[in-house]
């Protein structure tokens, strides 16, 4: 079996050429959304269930570019299909004060 190195902004992952079957760390490209030139990948530690998002974006006229690895947490099994095992919520932004003078 052949292993291919995958380089993510200076970080190297060894990826098996047969659909990532034997690598502890698996990297999957994900949609960058509307950010022009941004590259993103989800990195999974298949042994311990840790997740990271790797992002690289070029510098523009108005913003600096850079590379980031952001830890997303650790996966753990549920007891049944469809079970919510972790939930995080944010409050909606406060509505603007309509009584303030313009």
C-alpha atoms as a PDB file:
ATOM      1  CA  UNK A   1       0.000   0.000   0.000  1.00  0.00           C
ATOM      2  CA  UNK A   2       1.209   3.461  -0.850  1.00  0.00           C
ATOM      3  CA  UNK A   3       0.962   6.341   1.632  1.00  0.00           C
ATOM      4  CA  UNK A   4       0.826   9.884   0.355  1.00  0.00           C
ATOM      5  CA  UNK A   5       1.908  12.870   2.444  1.00  0.00           C
ATOM      6  CA  UNK A   6      -0.682  15.613   2.701  1.00  0.00           C
ATOM      7  CA  UNK A   7       0.655  19.025   3.643  1.00  0.00           C
ATOM      8  CA  UNK A   8      -1.647  21.468   5.407  1.00  0.00           C
ATOM      9  CA  UNK A   9       0.205  24.715   5.881  1.00  0.00           C
ATOM     10  CA  UNK A  10       3.366  23.165   7.244  1.00  0.00           C
ATOM     11  CA  UNK A  11       1.642  20.221   8.931  1.00  0.00           C
ATOM     12  CA  UNK A  12       2.100  16.852   7.254  1.00  0.00           C
ATOM     13  CA  UNK A  13      -0.403  14.025   7.513  1.00  0.00           C
ATOM     14  CA  UNK A  14       0.301  10.594   6.101  1.00  0.00           C
ATOM     15  CA  UNK A  15      -2.732   9.539   4.093  1.00  0.00           C
ATOM     16  CA  UNK A  16      -3.227   6.020   2.772  1.00  0.00           C
ATOM     17  CA  UNK A  17      -4.070   5.954  -0.906  1.00  0.00           C
ATOM     18  CA  UNK A  18      -6.950   3.511  -0.311  1.00  0.00           C
ATOM     19  CA  UNK A  19      -9.562   6.021   0.936  1.00  0.00           C
ATOM     20  CA  UNK A  20      -7.672   6.978   4.122  1.00  0.00           C
ATOM     21  CA  UNK A  21      -8.384   3.574   5.686  1.00  0.00           C
ATOM     22  CA  UNK A  22      -5.152   3.179   7.662  1.00  0.00           C
ATOM     23  CA  UNK A  23      -4.276   6.703   8.779  1.00  0.00           C
ATOM     24  CA  UNK A  24      -4.901   7.847  12.340  1.00  0.00           C
ATOM     25  CA  UNK A  25      -5.489  11.411  11.150  1.00  0.00           C
ATOM     26  CA  UNK A  26      -7.899  11.889   8.294  1.00  0.00           C
ATOM     27  CA  UNK A  27      -8.281  15.200   6.482  1.00  0.00           C
ATOM     28  CA  UNK A  28     -11.392  15.941   4.449  1.00  0.00           C
ATOM     29  CA  UNK A  29     -11.739  19.142   2.391  1.00  0.00           C
ATOM     30  CA  UNK A  30     -14.801  21.177   3.341  1.00  0.00           C
ATOM     31  CA  UNK A  31     -16.632  24.008   1.605  1.00  0.00           C
ATOM     32  CA  UNK A  32     -15.102  27.362   2.439  1.00  0.00           C
ATOM     33  CA  UNK A  33     -18.397  29.190   1.967  1.00  0.00           C
ATOM     34  CA  UNK A  34     -18.262  32.576   0.307  1.00  0.00           C
ATOM     35  CA  UNK A  35     -14.684  33.476   1.309  1.00  0.00           C
ATOM     36  CA  UNK A  36     -12.658  33.873  -1.890  1.00  0.00           C
ATOM     37  CA  UNK A  37      -9.457  31.834  -1.888  1.00  0.00           C
ATOM     38  CA  UNK A  38     -10.022  30.307   1.535  1.00  0.00           C
ATOM     39  CA  UNK A  39      -9.157  26.652   1.913  1.00  0.00           C
ATOM     40  CA  UNK A  40     -10.608  24.504   4.708  1.00  0.00           C
ATOM     41  CA  UNK A  41     -10.297  20.931   5.878  1.00  0.00           C
ATOM     42  CA  UNK A  42     -11.778  18.896   8.698  1.00  0.00           C
ATOM     43  CA  UNK A  43      -9.120  16.853  10.500  1.00  0.00           C
ATOM     44  CA  UNK A  44     -10.230  13.814  12.512  1.00  0.00           C
ATOM     45  CA  UNK A  45      -8.159  11.808  14.978  1.00  0.00           C
ATOM     46  CA  UNK A  46      -9.646   8.359  14.327  1.00  0.00           C
ATOM     47  CA  UNK A  47      -8.202   6.871  17.529  1.00  0.00           C
ATOM     48  CA  UNK A  48      -9.367   9.413  20.116  1.00  0.00           C
ATOM     49  CA  UNK A  49     -12.130  11.282  18.282  1.00  0.00           C
ATOM     50  CA  UNK A  50     -10.644  14.782  18.340  1.00  0.00           C
ATOM     51  CA  UNK A  51     -11.701  17.212  15.580  1.00  0.00           C
ATOM     52  CA  UNK A  52      -9.988  20.285  14.174  1.00  0.00           C
ATOM     53  CA  UNK A  53     -10.757  22.712  11.353  1.00  0.00           C
ATOM     54  CA  UNK A  54      -7.720  23.817   9.347  1.00  0.00           C
ATOM     55  CA  UNK A  55      -8.172  27.099   7.467  1.00  0.00           C
ATOM     56  CA  UNK A  56      -5.828  28.991   5.185  1.00  0.00           C
ATOM     57  CA  UNK A  57      -6.730  32.256   3.518  1.00  0.00           C
ATOM     58  CA  UNK A  58      -4.710  34.632   1.344  1.00  0.00           C
ATOM     59  CA  UNK A  59      -4.147  38.251   2.265  1.00  0.00           C
ATOM     60  CA  UNK A  60      -6.400  40.780   0.546  1.00  0.00           C
ATOM     61  CA  UNK A  61      -6.337  44.566   0.238  1.00  0.00           C
ATOM     62  CA  UNK A  62      -8.352  44.870   3.464  1.00  0.00           C
ATOM     63  CA  UNK A  63      -7.492  41.779   5.547  1.00  0.00           C
ATOM     64  CA  UNK A  64      -4.397  39.813   6.502  1.00  0.00           C
ATOM     65  CA  UNK A  65      -4.133  36.200   5.415  1.00  0.00           C
ATOM     66  CA  UNK A  66      -3.068  33.310   7.569  1.00  0.00           C
ATOM     67  CA  UNK A  67      -3.375  29.692   8.598  1.00  0.00           C
ATOM     68  CA  UNK A  68      -5.326  28.480  11.600  1.00  0.00           C
ATOM     69  CA  UNK A  69      -6.061  25.167  13.243  1.00  0.00           C
ATOM     70  CA  UNK A  70      -9.102  25.467  15.482  1.00  0.00           C
ATOM     71  CA  UNK A  71      -9.938  22.679  17.913  1.00  0.00           C
ATOM     72  CA  UNK A  72     -13.594  21.627  17.614  1.00  0.00           C
ATOM     73  CA  UNK A  73     -13.834  19.160  20.493  1.00  0.00           C
ATOM     74  CA  UNK A  74     -13.896  15.429  20.989  1.00  0.00           C
ATOM     75  CA  UNK A  75     -16.475  13.060  19.583  1.00  0.00           C
ATOM     76  CA  UNK A  76     -18.064  10.409  21.742  1.00  0.00           C
ATOM     77  CA  UNK A  77     -20.700   7.793  20.994  1.00  0.00           C
ATOM     78  CA  UNK A  78     -24.372   8.148  21.728  1.00  0.00           C
ATOM     79  CA  UNK A  79     -26.780   5.451  22.834  1.00  0.00           C
ATOM     80  CA  UNK A  80     -29.120   5.544  19.835  1.00  0.00           C
ATOM     81  CA  UNK A  81     -29.420   7.011  16.342  1.00  0.00           C
ATOM     82  CA  UNK A  82     -30.533  10.622  16.356  1.00  0.00           C
ATOM     83  CA  UNK A  83     -29.474  11.308  19.943  1.00  0.00           C
ATOM     84  CA  UNK A  84     -28.055  14.809  20.516  1.00  0.00           C
ATOM     85  CA  UNK A  85     -24.803  14.142  22.392  1.00  0.00           C
ATOM     86  CA  UNK A  86     -23.676  17.775  22.691  1.00  0.00           C
ATOM     87  CA  UNK A  87     -25.547  21.026  22.208  1.00  0.00           C
ATOM     88  CA  UNK A  88     -24.270  24.588  22.285  1.00  0.00           C
ATOM     89  CA  UNK A  89     -26.609  27.542  21.890  1.00  0.00           C
ATOM     90  CA  UNK A  90     -26.100  31.250  21.441  1.00  0.00           C
ATOM     91  CA  UNK A  91     -28.666  33.927  22.188  1.00  0.00           C
ATOM     92  CA  UNK A  92     -29.895  35.943  19.208  1.00  0.00           C
ATOM     93  CA  UNK A  93     -28.452  39.447  18.902  1.00  0.00           C
ATOM     94  CA  UNK A  94     -30.365  42.158  20.729  1.00  0.00           C
ATOM     95  CA  UNK A  95     -32.896  44.021  18.601  1.00  0.00           C
ATOM     96  CA  UNK A  96     -32.002  47.658  17.875  1.00  0.00           C
ATOM     97  CA  UNK A  97     -33.635  50.205  20.165  1.00  0.00           C
ATOM     98  CA  UNK A  98     -36.506  51.654  18.121  1.00  0.00           C
ATOM     99  CA  UNK A  99     -37.219  54.407  20.667  1.00  0.00           C
ATOM    100  CA  UNK A 100     -33.834  56.125  20.306  1.00  0.00           C
ATOM    101  CA  UNK A 101     -33.822  59.272  18.143  1.00  0.00           C
ATOM    102  CA  UNK A 102     -32.108  58.905  14.733  1.00  0.00           C
END
